[in-house]
Amino acid sequence: MTGQSSDPPVGLLAAVNPAPAAYIDAETLDEFLSMTWAAFVDPTGYLTPLTVPVAPQPGLVAELRILGPSPMRITLHVDHEGARDVTSRMREEAAGVDVDEADITDALAELVNILGGNIKSLLPDGSVLTLPSVGTGVTPTSVADGDVAAAYAWGTCVITTHIEACLDPHPAAPQRGPRPTETNATSMPPLSL
């Protein structure tokens, strides 16, 4: 059929899957991200919650999905310079030390994976994390009813997180397969920084 969207009506999505806010609130998201940040990025540089809307800005977006009874998509957005600083800190390098695209991808993927694991712990049995991916994107500017989102300042860097409901393309939890090896792993295209 031409001219019709393949996306489900918003009401159908809500009827099928509980919204993320049914499982996690902004305070818990803040706690999870703050603990992750202190443990892996900067134990002394606290994230400062932003209460004003964040202007759209280009940057890098790490995302993963949680499949199962309450499927959702979790994103972590960091501006380009902030992503370099985060990566340097996670690698325990001096600020300003040059890190490459693979390092940045790994660091942001690890952060969203840890955040996703914490969120998954609040969800019903049968929830499964997908592998994280990292690409370029713009800070999200709107939040739908039932989504959970937050924005933070870390120095001059703005970090945003967003949890939104999504349709689970695989309603039954997938079986765990073999761990990726050099012969069966897929690679991501390089980032344009």
Protein backbone atom coordinates (compact mmCIF):
# COMPACT_ATOMS: atom_id res chain seq x y z
CA MET A 1 0.00 0.00 0.00
CA THR A 2 1.35 3.34 -0.93
CA GLY A 3 1.30 6.33 1.37
CA GLN A 4 0.73 4.34 4.55
CA SER A 5 3.28 4.19 7.34
CA SER A 6 4.53 0.82 8.54
CA ASP A 7 4.91 2.23 12.08
CA PRO A 8 2.22 1.12 14.52
CA PRO A 9 -0.20 3.72 15.83
CA VAL A 10 1.07 5.28 19.05
CA GLY A 11 -1.93 3.96 21.01
CA LEU A 12 -1.22 0.41 19.84
CA LEU A 13 2.38 0.61 21.05
CA ALA A 14 1.20 1.74 24.50
CA ALA A 15 -1.43 -1.02 24.64
CA VAL A 16 1.09 -3.73 23.75
CA ASN A 17 4.11 -2.60 25.79
CA PRO A 18 4.21 -0.78 29.12
CA ALA A 19 6.03 2.54 28.87
CA PRO A 20 9.55 2.71 30.31
CA ALA A 21 8.22 5.00 33.06
CA ALA A 22 6.30 1.98 34.40
CA TYR A 23 9.67 0.49 35.41
CA ILE A 24 12.11 3.36 35.88
CA ASP A 25 11.75 6.98 36.92
CA ALA A 26 14.05 9.94 36.33
CA GLU A 27 15.59 9.67 39.81
CA THR A 28 16.57 6.04 39.26
CA LEU A 29 17.98 6.85 35.82
CA ASP A 30 19.98 9.67 37.44
CA GLU A 31 21.27 7.28 40.12
CA PHE A 32 22.27 4.63 37.56
CA LEU A 33 24.07 7.09 35.30
CA SER A 34 25.77 8.90 38.20
CA MET A 35 27.08 5.60 39.66
CA THR A 36 28.29 4.46 36.25
CA TRP A 37 29.94 7.84 35.59
CA ALA A 38 31.72 7.87 38.96
CA ALA A 39 32.96 4.29 38.55
CA PHE A 40 34.09 4.40 34.93
CA VAL A 41 34.59 8.02 33.84
CA ASP A 42 35.24 10.54 36.56
CA PRO A 43 34.98 9.80 40.29
CA THR A 44 35.41 13.48 41.20
CA GLY A 45 33.60 15.28 38.37
CA TYR A 46 29.93 14.96 39.14
CA LEU A 47 27.21 15.12 36.54
CA THR A 48 25.05 18.20 37.06
CA PRO A 49 21.39 17.63 36.13
CA LEU A 50 20.08 20.24 33.67
CA THR A 51 16.54 21.43 34.23
CA VAL A 52 16.27 23.62 31.14
CA PRO A 53 15.64 22.18 27.66
CA VAL A 54 18.82 21.22 25.83
CA ALA A 55 19.28 22.73 22.38
CA PRO A 56 19.82 20.21 19.59
CA GLN A 57 23.50 19.59 19.01
CA PRO A 58 25.40 17.11 16.87
CA GLY A 59 27.36 14.40 18.58
CA LEU A 60 27.65 10.67 19.07
CA VAL A 61 24.80 8.42 20.11
CA ALA A 62 25.34 5.07 21.81
CA GLU A 63 22.22 2.94 21.83
CA LEU A 64 20.98 -0.48 22.68
CA ARG A 65 17.62 -2.14 22.91
CA ILE A 66 16.12 -4.35 25.54
CA LEU A 67 14.01 -7.10 24.00
CA GLY A 68 11.36 -9.13 25.77
CA PRO A 69 8.16 -8.37 27.70
CA SER A 70 8.78 -4.60 27.82
CA PRO A 71 10.99 -3.71 24.86
CA MET A 72 12.71 -0.35 24.95
CA ARG A 73 15.50 1.64 23.34
CA ILE A 74 18.14 3.36 25.49
CA THR A 75 20.31 6.13 24.07
CA LEU A 76 23.23 8.08 25.47
CA HIS A 77 24.16 11.24 23.52
CA VAL A 78 27.49 13.03 23.99
CA ASP A 79 28.89 15.88 21.91
CA HIS A 80 32.05 15.09 19.88
CA GLU A 81 34.56 16.81 22.19
CA GLY A 82 32.88 15.35 25.26
CA ALA A 83 33.10 11.86 23.73
CA ARG A 84 36.88 12.30 23.37
CA ASP A 85 37.17 13.46 26.99
CA VAL A 86 35.01 10.59 28.26
CA THR A 87 37.15 8.11 26.34
CA SER A 88 40.41 9.60 27.65
CA ARG A 89 39.10 9.36 31.20
CA MET A 90 37.89 5.79 30.77
CA ARG A 91 41.30 4.84 29.39
CA GLU A 92 42.92 6.78 32.27
CA GLU A 93 44.76 9.00 29.80
CA ALA A 94 45.52 12.65 30.36
CA ALA A 95 42.83 15.00 29.06
CA GLY A 96 43.58 16.03 25.50
CA VAL A 97 45.45 12.82 24.63
CA ASP A 98 44.39 11.81 21.16
CA VAL A 99 42.07 8.81 21.09
CA ASP A 100 40.92 7.15 17.89
CA GLU A 101 37.43 6.40 16.63
CA ALA A 102 37.58 2.76 17.77
CA ASP A 103 38.43 3.86 21.32
CA ILE A 104 35.52 6.32 21.35
CA THR A 105 33.10 3.73 19.98
CA ASP A 106 34.20 1.19 22.59
CA ALA A 107 33.94 3.68 25.48
CA LEU A 108 30.45 4.93 24.61
CA ALA A 109 29.21 1.41 23.84
CA GLU A 110 30.48 0.26 27.24
CA LEU A 111 28.71 3.12 29.05
CA VAL A 112 25.34 2.47 27.39
CA ASN A 113 25.78 -1.27 27.94
CA ILE A 114 26.33 -0.76 31.70
CA LEU A 115 23.38 1.64 31.87
CA GLY A 116 21.24 -0.85 29.93
CA GLY A 117 22.22 -3.71 32.25
CA ASN A 118 21.17 -1.68 35.26
CA ILE A 119 17.83 -0.81 33.64
CA LYS A 120 17.30 -4.43 32.57
CA SER A 121 17.58 -5.47 36.23
CA LEU A 122 14.29 -3.62 36.87
CA LEU A 123 12.41 -5.34 34.04
CA PRO A 124 10.44 -8.61 33.94
CA ASP A 125 12.22 -11.93 33.43
CA GLY A 126 12.90 -12.69 29.79
CA SER A 127 14.35 -9.25 29.02
CA VAL A 128 17.51 -9.41 26.93
CA LEU A 129 20.02 -6.71 25.96
CA THR A 130 21.06 -6.29 22.34
CA LEU A 131 24.61 -5.38 21.48
CA PRO A 132 25.23 -1.63 21.69
CA SER A 133 25.88 0.46 18.61
CA VAL A 134 27.40 3.92 18.24
CA GLY A 135 26.81 6.44 15.48
CA THR A 136 26.33 10.13 14.87
CA GLY A 137 23.14 11.92 15.83
CA VAL A 138 21.54 15.01 17.30
CA THR A 139 20.43 15.58 20.89
CA PRO A 140 16.81 14.47 21.23
CA THR A 141 14.50 17.47 21.72
CA SER A 142 11.20 15.84 22.62
CA VAL A 143 10.09 13.15 25.01
CA ALA A 144 6.89 11.17 24.51
CA ASP A 145 4.51 10.36 27.34
CA GLY A 146 5.91 7.42 29.30
CA ASP A 147 9.48 7.92 28.12
CA VAL A 148 12.22 8.73 30.62
CA ALA A 149 14.88 11.29 29.73
CA ALA A 150 17.51 13.39 31.47
CA ALA A 151 20.26 15.83 30.55
CA TYR A 152 23.47 16.56 32.43
CA ALA A 153 26.45 18.87 32.28
CA TRP A 154 29.95 17.53 32.82
CA GLY A 155 32.34 20.43 32.49
CA THR A 156 31.47 21.98 29.15
CA CYS A 157 30.00 18.71 27.83
CA VAL A 158 26.26 17.97 27.69
CA ILE A 159 25.17 14.36 28.11
CA THR A 160 21.59 13.26 27.47
CA THR A 161 19.90 9.94 28.09
CA HIS A 162 16.57 8.80 26.69
CA ILE A 163 14.59 5.63 27.27
CA GLU A 164 11.67 5.02 24.95
CA ALA A 165 9.29 2.16 24.27
CA CYS A 166 9.73 0.28 21.02
CA LEU A 167 8.23 -2.70 19.32
CA ASP A 168 10.12 -5.91 19.96
CA PRO A 169 10.76 -7.53 16.57
CA HIS A 170 11.39 -10.81 18.43
CA PRO A 171 8.68 -11.17 21.12
CA ALA A 172 10.25 -14.33 22.54
CA ALA A 173 13.61 -13.73 24.16
CA PRO A 174 16.34 -14.78 21.72
CA GLN A 175 18.54 -17.72 22.60
CA ARG A 176 22.09 -16.83 23.51
CA GLY A 177 24.43 -17.82 20.72
CA PRO A 178 28.20 -18.15 20.58
CA ARG A 179 30.28 -15.18 21.66
CA PRO A 180 31.67 -13.14 18.74
CA THR A 181 35.06 -14.21 17.48
CA GLU A 182 37.25 -12.74 14.79
CA THR A 183 35.58 -15.03 12.26
CA ASN A 184 31.92 -14.42 13.16
CA ALA A 185 31.89 -10.86 14.57
CA THR A 186 30.35 -8.06 12.59
CA SER A 187 32.06 -4.73 12.43
CA MET A 188 30.51 -1.30 12.55
CA PRO A 189 31.26 1.31 9.92
CA PRO A 190 33.77 3.95 11.08
CA LEU A 191 32.44 7.12 12.66
CA SER A 192 32.86 10.52 11.08
CA LEU A 193 34.15 12.76 13.85
